[in-house]
């Protein structure tokens, strides 16, 4: 599973996740910088209104 897909699945399974929850998930995955970028891109794609400043 790639990092982008992981973020999308997390948000589908837990629609009430906060940015802090997502950060904790990203930290627990110990992603390299490229994978972390993909994780956040997937999170933004799945929940674009989660944080309007993105």
PDB file of N, CA and C in Angstrom:
ATOM      1  N   UNK A   1       0.858  -1.174   0.000  1.00  0.00           N
ATOM      2  CA  UNK A   1       0.000   0.000   0.000  1.00  0.00           C
ATOM      3  C   UNK A   1       0.903   1.236   0.000  1.00  0.00           C
ATOM      4  N   UNK A   2       0.550   2.198  -0.825  1.00  0.00           N
ATOM      5  CA  UNK A   2       1.359   3.413  -0.827  1.00  0.00           C
ATOM      6  C   UNK A   2       0.816   4.411   0.201  1.00  0.00           C
ATOM      7  N   UNK A   3       1.595   5.433   0.474  1.00  0.00           N
ATOM      8  CA  UNK A   3       1.268   6.395   1.529  1.00  0.00           C
ATOM      9  C   UNK A   3       0.006   7.189   1.213  1.00  0.00           C
ATOM     10  N   UNK A   4      -0.189   7.536  -0.038  1.00  0.00           N
ATOM     11  CA  UNK A   4      -1.390   8.285  -0.427  1.00  0.00           C
ATOM     12  C   UNK A   4      -2.644   7.463  -0.153  1.00  0.00           C
ATOM     13  N   UNK A   5      -2.606   6.207  -0.522  1.00  0.00           N
ATOM     14  CA  UNK A   5      -3.732   5.313  -0.286  1.00  0.00           C
ATOM     15  C   UNK A   5      -3.961   5.114   1.210  1.00  0.00           C
ATOM     16  N   UNK A   6      -2.893   5.031   1.984  1.00  0.00           N
ATOM     17  CA  UNK A   6      -3.020   4.879   3.439  1.00  0.00           C
ATOM     18  C   UNK A   6      -3.776   6.058   4.036  1.00  0.00           C
ATOM     19  N   UNK A   7      -3.462   7.261   3.616  1.00  0.00           N
ATOM     20  CA  UNK A   7      -4.159   8.448   4.130  1.00  0.00           C
ATOM     21  C   UNK A   7      -5.631   8.409   3.753  1.00  0.00           C
ATOM     22  N   UNK A   8      -5.917   8.042   2.523  1.00  0.00           N
ATOM     23  CA  UNK A   8      -7.310   7.983   2.082  1.00  0.00           C
ATOM     24  C   UNK A   8      -8.097   6.956   2.882  1.00  0.00           C
ATOM     25  N   UNK A   9      -7.507   5.795   3.109  1.00  0.00           N
ATOM     26  CA  UNK A   9      -8.185   4.749   3.871  1.00  0.00           C
ATOM     27  C   UNK A   9      -8.406   5.194   5.312  1.00  0.00           C
ATOM     28  N   UNK A  10      -7.409   5.830   5.912  1.00  0.00           N
ATOM     29  CA  UNK A  10      -7.567   6.339   7.275  1.00  0.00           C
ATOM     30  C   UNK A  10      -8.755   7.286   7.365  1.00  0.00           C
ATOM     31  N   UNK A  11      -8.869   8.183   6.404  1.00  0.00           N
ATOM     32  CA  UNK A  11      -9.950   9.164   6.434  1.00  0.00           C
ATOM     33  C   UNK A  11     -11.306   8.558   6.093  1.00  0.00           C
ATOM     34  N   UNK A  12     -11.333   7.547   5.258  1.00  0.00           N
ATOM     35  CA  UNK A  12     -12.593   6.865   4.957  1.00  0.00           C
ATOM     36  C   UNK A  12     -13.068   6.098   6.187  1.00  0.00           C
ATOM     37  N   UNK A  13     -12.133   5.399   6.846  1.00  0.00           N
ATOM     38  CA  UNK A  13     -12.494   4.610   8.022  1.00  0.00           C
ATOM     39  C   UNK A  13     -12.798   5.473   9.239  1.00  0.00           C
ATOM     40  N   UNK A  14     -12.193   6.666   9.301  1.00  0.00           N
ATOM     41  CA  UNK A  14     -12.339   7.558  10.455  1.00  0.00           C
ATOM     42  C   UNK A  14     -12.622   8.976   9.969  1.00  0.00           C
ATOM     43  N   UNK A  15     -13.837   9.251   9.512  1.00  0.00           N
ATOM     44  CA  UNK A  15     -14.120  10.563   8.923  1.00  0.00           C
ATOM     45  C   UNK A  15     -13.978  11.736   9.896  1.00  0.00           C
ATOM     46  N   UNK A  16     -13.943  11.472  11.179  1.00  0.00           N
ATOM     47  CA  UNK A  16     -13.818  12.550  12.168  1.00  0.00           C
ATOM     48  C   UNK A  16     -12.362  12.822  12.557  1.00  0.00           C
ATOM     49  N   UNK A  17     -11.413  12.268  11.812  1.00  0.00           N
ATOM     50  CA  UNK A  17      -9.991  12.490  12.141  1.00  0.00           C
ATOM     51  C   UNK A  17      -9.653  13.966  12.049  1.00  0.00           C
ATOM     52  N   UNK A  18      -8.791  14.395  12.942  1.00  0.00           N
ATOM     53  CA  UNK A  18      -8.304  15.768  12.937  1.00  0.00           C
ATOM     54  C   UNK A  18      -6.922  15.793  12.308  1.00  0.00           C
ATOM     55  N   UNK A  19      -6.410  16.990  12.092  1.00  0.00           N
ATOM     56  CA  UNK A  19      -5.040  17.103  11.579  1.00  0.00           C
ATOM     57  C   UNK A  19      -4.045  16.475  12.544  1.00  0.00           C
ATOM     58  N   UNK A  20      -4.287  16.626  13.837  1.00  0.00           N
ATOM     59  CA  UNK A  20      -3.395  16.028  14.834  1.00  0.00           C
ATOM     60  C   UNK A  20      -3.418  14.506  14.735  1.00  0.00           C
ATOM     61  N   UNK A  21      -4.595  13.936  14.502  1.00  0.00           N
ATOM     62  CA  UNK A  21      -4.701  12.491  14.329  1.00  0.00           C
ATOM     63  C   UNK A  21      -3.924  12.037  13.092  1.00  0.00           C
ATOM     64  N   UNK A  22      -4.067  12.795  12.012  1.00  0.00           N
ATOM     65  CA  UNK A  22      -3.341  12.451  10.785  1.00  0.00           C
ATOM     66  C   UNK A  22      -1.838  12.579  10.980  1.00  0.00           C
ATOM     67  N   UNK A  23      -1.404  13.601  11.710  1.00  0.00           N
ATOM     68  CA  UNK A  23       0.029  13.770  11.973  1.00  0.00           C
ATOM     69  C   UNK A  23       0.558  12.596  12.786  1.00  0.00           C
ATOM     70  N   UNK A  24      -0.201  12.167  13.774  1.00  0.00           N
ATOM     71  CA  UNK A  24       0.202  11.016  14.579  1.00  0.00           C
ATOM     72  C   UNK A  24       0.297   9.763  13.712  1.00  0.00           C
ATOM     73  N   UNK A  25      -0.649   9.593  12.804  1.00  0.00           N
ATOM     74  CA  UNK A  25      -0.621   8.442  11.903  1.00  0.00           C
ATOM     75  C   UNK A  25       0.593   8.504  10.990  1.00  0.00           C
ATOM     76  N   UNK A  26       0.867   9.669  10.443  1.00  0.00           N
ATOM     77  CA  UNK A  26       2.035   9.829   9.573  1.00  0.00           C
ATOM     78  C   UNK A  26       3.322   9.548  10.350  1.00  0.00           C
ATOM     79  N   UNK A  27       3.391  10.038  11.581  1.00  0.00           N
ATOM     80  CA  UNK A  27       4.575   9.793  12.405  1.00  0.00           C
ATOM     81  C   UNK A  27       4.751   8.308  12.710  1.00  0.00           C
ATOM     82  N   UNK A  28       3.646   7.620  12.970  1.00  0.00           N
ATOM     83  CA  UNK A  28       3.735   6.196  13.315  1.00  0.00           C
ATOM     84  C   UNK A  28       4.162   5.346  12.118  1.00  0.00           C
ATOM     85  N   UNK A  29       3.921   5.849  10.909  1.00  0.00           N
ATOM     86  CA  UNK A  29       4.321   5.110   9.718  1.00  0.00           C
ATOM     87  C   UNK A  29       5.798   5.274   9.381  1.00  0.00           C
ATOM     88  N   UNK A  30       6.462   6.245  10.022  1.00  0.00           N
ATOM     89  CA  UNK A  30       7.890   6.503   9.789  1.00  0.00           C
ATOM     90  C   UNK A  30       8.193   6.618   8.289  1.00  0.00           C
ATOM     91  N   UNK A  31       7.506   7.534   7.641  1.00  0.00           N
ATOM     92  CA  UNK A  31       7.623   7.712   6.195  1.00  0.00           C
ATOM     93  C   UNK A  31       8.870   8.515   5.827  1.00  0.00           C
ATOM     94  N   UNK A  32       9.433   8.187   4.675  1.00  0.00           N
ATOM     95  CA  UNK A  32      10.505   9.029   4.161  1.00  0.00           C
ATOM     96  C   UNK A  32       9.851  10.295   3.601  1.00  0.00           C
ATOM     97  N   UNK A  33      10.629  11.345   3.327  1.00  0.00           N
ATOM     98  CA  UNK A  33      10.023  12.619   2.899  1.00  0.00           C
ATOM     99  C   UNK A  33       9.122  12.509   1.667  1.00  0.00           C
ATOM    100  N   UNK A  34       9.511  11.718   0.685  1.00  0.00           N
ATOM    101  CA  UNK A  34       8.696  11.574  -0.519  1.00  0.00           C
ATOM    102  C   UNK A  34       7.367  10.889  -0.191  1.00  0.00           C
ATOM    103  N   UNK A  35       7.418   9.848   0.614  1.00  0.00           N
ATOM    104  CA  UNK A  35       6.199   9.143   0.998  1.00  0.00           C
ATOM    105  C   UNK A  35       5.316  10.022   1.878  1.00  0.00           C
ATOM    106  N   UNK A  36       5.926  10.835   2.731  1.00  0.00           N
ATOM    107  CA  UNK A  36       5.130  11.726   3.580  1.00  0.00           C
ATOM    108  C   UNK A  36       4.399  12.761   2.725  1.00  0.00           C
ATOM    109  N   UNK A  37       5.063  13.258   1.691  1.00  0.00           N
ATOM    110  CA  UNK A  37       4.387  14.183   0.767  1.00  0.00           C
ATOM    111  C   UNK A  37       3.186  13.501   0.118  1.00  0.00           C
ATOM    112  N   UNK A  38       3.359  12.246  -0.269  1.00  0.00           N
ATOM    113  CA  UNK A  38       2.258  11.494  -0.881  1.00  0.00           C
ATOM    114  C   UNK A  38       1.132  11.274   0.126  1.00  0.00           C
ATOM    115  N   UNK A  39       1.486  11.019   1.378  1.00  0.00           N
ATOM    116  CA  UNK A  39       0.488  10.834   2.434  1.00  0.00           C
ATOM    117  C   UNK A  39      -0.383  12.081   2.553  1.00  0.00           C
ATOM    118  N   UNK A  40       0.269  13.245   2.637  1.00  0.00           N
ATOM    119  CA  UNK A  40      -0.495  14.486   2.797  1.00  0.00           C
ATOM    120  C   UNK A  40      -1.273  14.845   1.537  1.00  0.00           C
ATOM    121  N   UNK A  41      -0.749  14.505   0.371  1.00  0.00           N
ATOM    122  CA  UNK A  41      -1.495  14.733  -0.869  1.00  0.00           C
ATOM    123  C   UNK A  41      -2.759  13.877  -0.878  1.00  0.00           C
ATOM    124  N   UNK A  42      -2.641  12.640  -0.427  1.00  0.00           N
ATOM    125  CA  UNK A  42      -3.816  11.767  -0.344  1.00  0.00           C
ATOM    126  C   UNK A  42      -4.827  12.278   0.666  1.00  0.00           C
ATOM    127  N   UNK A  43      -4.330  12.797   1.786  1.00  0.00           N
ATOM    128  CA  UNK A  43      -5.226  13.351   2.808  1.00  0.00           C
ATOM    129  C   UNK A  43      -5.967  14.565   2.263  1.00  0.00           C
ATOM    130  N   UNK A  44      -5.257  15.435   1.556  1.00  0.00           N
ATOM    131  CA  UNK A  44      -5.895  16.623   0.975  1.00  0.00           C
ATOM    132  C   UNK A  44      -6.929  16.234  -0.079  1.00  0.00           C
ATOM    133  N   UNK A  45      -6.622  15.209  -0.847  1.00  0.00           N
ATOM    134  CA  UNK A  45      -7.552  14.759  -1.886  1.00  0.00           C
ATOM    135  C   UNK A  45      -8.821  14.168  -1.261  1.00  0.00           C
ATOM    136  N   UNK A  46      -8.658  13.397  -0.199  1.00  0.00           N
ATOM    137  CA  UNK A  46      -9.795  12.742   0.440  1.00  0.00           C
ATOM    138  C   UNK A  46     -10.633  13.723   1.262  1.00  0.00           C
ATOM    139  N   UNK A  47      -9.978  14.685   1.910  1.00  0.00           N
ATOM    140  CA  UNK A  47     -10.701  15.612   2.794  1.00  0.00           C
ATOM    141  C   UNK A  47     -10.221  17.044   2.561  1.00  0.00           C
ATOM    142  N   UNK A  48     -10.584  17.634   1.426  1.00  0.00           N
ATOM    143  CA  UNK A  48     -10.067  18.970   1.099  1.00  0.00           C
ATOM    144  C   UNK A  48     -10.518  20.074   2.052  1.00  0.00           C
ATOM    145  N   UNK A  49     -11.612  19.857   2.760  1.00  0.00           N
ATOM    146  CA  UNK A  49     -12.083  20.882   3.677  1.00  0.00           C
ATOM    147  C   UNK A  49     -11.586  20.697   5.109  1.00  0.00           C
ATOM    148  N   UNK A  50     -10.785  19.663   5.331  1.00  0.00           N
ATOM    149  CA  UNK A  50     -10.289  19.390   6.671  1.00  0.00           C
ATOM    150  C   UNK A  50      -9.529  20.589   7.224  1.00  0.00           C
ATOM    151  N   UNK A  51      -8.739  21.195   6.381  1.00  0.00           N
ATOM    152  CA  UNK A  51      -7.983  22.382   6.793  1.00  0.00           C
ATOM    153  C   UNK A  51      -7.923  23.292   5.579  1.00  0.00           C
ATOM    154  N   UNK A  52      -8.715  24.366   5.563  1.00  0.00           N
ATOM    155  CA  UNK A  52      -8.823  25.200   4.371  1.00  0.00           C
ATOM    156  C   UNK A  52      -7.521  25.903   3.960  1.00  0.00           C
ATOM    157  N   UNK A  53      -6.542  25.980   4.828  1.00  0.00           N
ATOM    158  CA  UNK A  53      -5.285  26.651   4.490  1.00  0.00           C
ATOM    159  C   UNK A  53      -4.332  25.806   3.665  1.00  0.00           C
ATOM    160  N   UNK A  54      -4.716  24.574   3.345  1.00  0.00           N
ATOM    161  CA  UNK A  54      -3.827  23.714   2.566  1.00  0.00           C
ATOM    162  C   UNK A  54      -3.692  24.201   1.166  1.00  0.00           C
TER     163      UNK A  54
END
